[in-house]
Amino acid sequence: MERERKLKSWQWFALLYLAGLITLSMAAYGLRFLINHSF
């Protein structure tokens, strides 16, 4: 039971980490796109 809980928590951590990375990369790409087209 404990191992399953740990696996689940690690899975959530990995999912949140991946989601954060994707959001950050998308935000950086969007900012670059806006800056390149603004100036």
PDB file of N, CA and C in Angstrom:
ATOM      1  N   MET A   1       0.836  -1.206   0.000  1.00  0.00           N
ATOM      2  CA  MET A   1       0.000   0.000   0.000  1.00  0.00           C
ATOM      3  C   MET A   1       0.876   1.263   0.000  1.00  0.00           C
ATOM      4  N   GLU A   2       1.909   1.251   0.865  1.00  0.00           N
ATOM      5  CA  GLU A   2       2.769   2.431   0.938  1.00  0.00           C
ATOM      6  C   GLU A   2       3.502   2.656  -0.380  1.00  0.00           C
ATOM      7  N   ARG A   3       3.970   1.564  -0.976  1.00  0.00           N
ATOM      8  CA  ARG A   3       4.691   1.697  -2.247  1.00  0.00           C
ATOM      9  C   ARG A   3       3.776   2.268  -3.320  1.00  0.00           C
ATOM     10  N   GLU A   4       2.523   1.813  -3.333  1.00  0.00           N
ATOM     11  CA  GLU A   4       1.580   2.333  -4.326  1.00  0.00           C
ATOM     12  C   GLU A   4       1.364   3.829  -4.118  1.00  0.00           C
ATOM     13  N   ARG A   5       1.222   4.227  -2.871  1.00  0.00           N
ATOM     14  CA  ARG A   5       1.034   5.650  -2.581  1.00  0.00           C
ATOM     15  C   ARG A   5       2.248   6.455  -3.046  1.00  0.00           C
ATOM     16  N   LYS A   6       3.439   5.929  -2.754  1.00  0.00           N
ATOM     17  CA  LYS A   6       4.655   6.633  -3.168  1.00  0.00           C
ATOM     18  C   LYS A   6       4.715   6.746  -4.687  1.00  0.00           C
ATOM     19  N   LEU A   7       4.366   5.658  -5.377  1.00  0.00           N
ATOM     20  CA  LEU A   7       4.370   5.692  -6.835  1.00  0.00           C
ATOM     21  C   LEU A   7       3.408   6.750  -7.341  1.00  0.00           C
ATOM     22  N   LYS A   8       2.213   6.796  -6.717  1.00  0.00           N
ATOM     23  CA  LYS A   8       1.219   7.771  -7.156  1.00  0.00           C
ATOM     24  C   LYS A   8       1.720   9.194  -6.933  1.00  0.00           C
ATOM     25  N   SER A   9       2.313   9.445  -5.756  1.00  0.00           N
ATOM     26  CA  SER A   9       2.814  10.787  -5.474  1.00  0.00           C
ATOM     27  C   SER A   9       3.931  11.152  -6.461  1.00  0.00           C
ATOM     28  N   TRP A  10       4.799  10.180  -6.765  1.00  0.00           N
ATOM     29  CA  TRP A  10       5.870  10.446  -7.732  1.00  0.00           C
ATOM     30  C   TRP A  10       5.293  10.702  -9.112  1.00  0.00           C
ATOM     31  N   GLN A  11       4.227   9.959  -9.454  1.00  0.00           N
ATOM     32  CA  GLN A  11       3.590  10.176 -10.757  1.00  0.00           C
ATOM     33  C   GLN A  11       3.013  11.588 -10.821  1.00  0.00           C
ATOM     34  N   TRP A  12       2.342  12.014  -9.742  1.00  0.00           N
ATOM     35  CA  TRP A  12       1.787  13.373  -9.706  1.00  0.00           C
ATOM     36  C   TRP A  12       2.912  14.399  -9.816  1.00  0.00           C
ATOM     37  N   PHE A  13       4.004  14.177  -9.092  1.00  0.00           N
ATOM     38  CA  PHE A  13       5.143  15.099  -9.138  1.00  0.00           C
ATOM     39  C   PHE A  13       5.695  15.192 -10.557  1.00  0.00           C
ATOM     40  N   ALA A  14       5.846  14.033 -11.221  1.00  0.00           N
ATOM     41  CA  ALA A  14       6.360  14.015 -12.593  1.00  0.00           C
ATOM     42  C   ALA A  14       5.402  14.740 -13.524  1.00  0.00           C
ATOM     43  N   LEU A  15       4.103  14.495 -13.352  1.00  0.00           N
ATOM     44  CA  LEU A  15       3.108  15.151 -14.213  1.00  0.00           C
ATOM     45  C   LEU A  15       3.149  16.662 -14.020  1.00  0.00           C
ATOM     46  N   LEU A  16       3.200  17.100 -12.760  1.00  0.00           N
ATOM     47  CA  LEU A  16       3.250  18.539 -12.485  1.00  0.00           C
ATOM     48  C   LEU A  16       4.536  19.140 -13.050  1.00  0.00           C
ATOM     49  N   TYR A  17       5.659  18.429 -12.891  1.00  0.00           N
ATOM     50  CA  TYR A  17       6.947  18.908 -13.399  1.00  0.00           C
ATOM     51  C   TYR A  17       6.907  19.060 -14.918  1.00  0.00           C
ATOM     52  N   LEU A  18       6.361  18.034 -15.600  1.00  0.00           N
ATOM     53  CA  LEU A  18       6.252  18.089 -17.060  1.00  0.00           C
ATOM     54  C   LEU A  18       5.332  19.225 -17.485  1.00  0.00           C
ATOM     55  N   ALA A  19       4.204  19.364 -16.795  1.00  0.00           N
ATOM     56  CA  ALA A  19       3.252  20.431 -17.133  1.00  0.00           C
ATOM     57  C   ALA A  19       3.920  21.796 -16.965  1.00  0.00           C
ATOM     58  N   GLY A  20       4.690  21.957 -15.892  1.00  0.00           N
ATOM     59  CA  GLY A  20       5.389  23.221 -15.661  1.00  0.00           C
ATOM     60  C   GLY A  20       6.408  23.503 -16.754  1.00  0.00           C
ATOM     61  N   LEU A  21       7.163  22.482 -17.145  1.00  0.00           N
ATOM     62  CA  LEU A  21       8.164  22.656 -18.198  1.00  0.00           C
ATOM     63  C   LEU A  21       7.496  23.063 -19.507  1.00  0.00           C
ATOM     64  N   ILE A  22       6.401  22.372 -19.856  1.00  0.00           N
ATOM     65  CA  ILE A  22       5.691  22.680 -21.103  1.00  0.00           C
ATOM     66  C   ILE A  22       5.149  24.105 -21.055  1.00  0.00           C
ATOM     67  N   THR A  23       4.555  24.484 -19.917  1.00  0.00           N
ATOM     68  CA  THR A  23       3.997  25.836 -19.794  1.00  0.00           C
ATOM     69  C   THR A  23       5.105  26.881 -19.925  1.00  0.00           C
ATOM     70  N   LEU A  24       6.237  26.642 -19.257  1.00  0.00           N
ATOM     71  CA  LEU A  24       7.349  27.591 -19.323  1.00  0.00           C
ATOM     72  C   LEU A  24       7.899  27.702 -20.743  1.00  0.00           C
ATOM     73  N   SER A  25       8.095  26.561 -21.408  1.00  0.00           N
ATOM     74  CA  SER A  25       8.629  26.576 -22.774  1.00  0.00           C
ATOM     75  C   SER A  25       7.654  27.287 -23.708  1.00  0.00           C
ATOM     76  N   MET A  26       6.351  27.022 -23.542  1.00  0.00           N
ATOM     77  CA  MET A  26       5.348  27.678 -24.390  1.00  0.00           C
ATOM     78  C   MET A  26       5.328  29.180 -24.128  1.00  0.00           C
ATOM     79  N   ALA A  27       5.442  29.580 -22.859  1.00  0.00           N
ATOM     80  CA  ALA A  27       5.446  31.001 -22.512  1.00  0.00           C
ATOM     81  C   ALA A  27       6.677  31.683 -23.112  1.00  0.00           C
ATOM     82  N   ALA A  28       7.843  31.045 -22.999  1.00  0.00           N
ATOM     83  CA  ALA A  28       9.073  31.615 -23.559  1.00  0.00           C
ATOM     84  C   ALA A  28       8.945  31.738 -25.073  1.00  0.00           C
ATOM     85  N   TYR A  29       8.414  30.701 -25.724  1.00  0.00           N
ATOM     86  CA  TYR A  29       8.240  30.732 -27.179  1.00  0.00           C
ATOM     87  C   TYR A  29       7.273  31.848 -27.566  1.00  0.00           C
ATOM     88  N   GLY A  30       6.179  31.977 -26.821  1.00  0.00           N
ATOM     89  CA  GLY A  30       5.189  33.022 -27.105  1.00  0.00           C
ATOM     90  C   GLY A  30       5.798  34.405 -26.940  1.00  0.00           C
ATOM     91  N   LEU A  31       6.592  34.592 -25.878  1.00  0.00           N
ATOM     92  CA  LEU A  31       7.227  35.888 -25.653  1.00  0.00           C
ATOM     93  C   LEU A  31       8.193  36.209 -26.788  1.00  0.00           C
ATOM     94  N   ARG A  32       8.987  35.238 -27.205  1.00  0.00           N
ATOM     95  CA  ARG A  32       9.917  35.458 -28.319  1.00  0.00           C
ATOM     96  C   ARG A  32       9.145  35.820 -29.579  1.00  0.00           C
ATOM     97  N   PHE A  33       8.054  35.100 -29.832  1.00  0.00           N
ATOM     98  CA  PHE A  33       7.235  35.355 -31.022  1.00  0.00           C
ATOM     99  C   PHE A  33       6.698  36.786 -30.986  1.00  0.00           C
ATOM    100  N   LEU A  34       6.162  37.195 -29.829  1.00  0.00           N
ATOM    101  CA  LEU A  34       5.604  38.545 -29.697  1.00  0.00           C
ATOM    102  C   LEU A  34       6.694  39.595 -29.876  1.00  0.00           C
ATOM    103  N   ILE A  35       7.847  39.390 -29.228  1.00  0.00           N
ATOM    104  CA  ILE A  35       8.943  40.360 -29.316  1.00  0.00           C
ATOM    105  C   ILE A  35       9.439  40.470 -30.760  1.00  0.00           C
ATOM    106  N   ASN A  36       9.590  39.330 -31.434  1.00  0.00           N
ATOM    107  CA  ASN A  36      10.083  39.352 -32.811  1.00  0.00           C
ATOM    108  C   ASN A  36       9.116  40.091 -33.729  1.00  0.00           C
ATOM    109  N   HIS A  37       7.814  39.970 -33.485  1.00  0.00           N
ATOM    110  CA  HIS A  37       6.840  40.617 -34.365  1.00  0.00           C
ATOM    111  C   HIS A  37       6.548  42.053 -33.933  1.00  0.00           C
ATOM    112  N   SER A  38       6.820  42.394 -32.667  1.00  0.00           N
ATOM    113  CA  SER A  38       6.566  43.760 -32.210  1.00  0.00           C
ATOM    114  C   SER A  38       7.672  44.684 -32.704  1.00  0.00           C
ATOM    115  N   PHE A  39       8.912  44.227 -32.562  1.00  0.00           N
ATOM    116  CA  PHE A  39      10.034  45.079 -32.962  1.00  0.00           C
ATOM    117  C   PHE A  39      10.536  44.640 -34.320  1.00  0.00           C
TER     118      PHE A  39
END
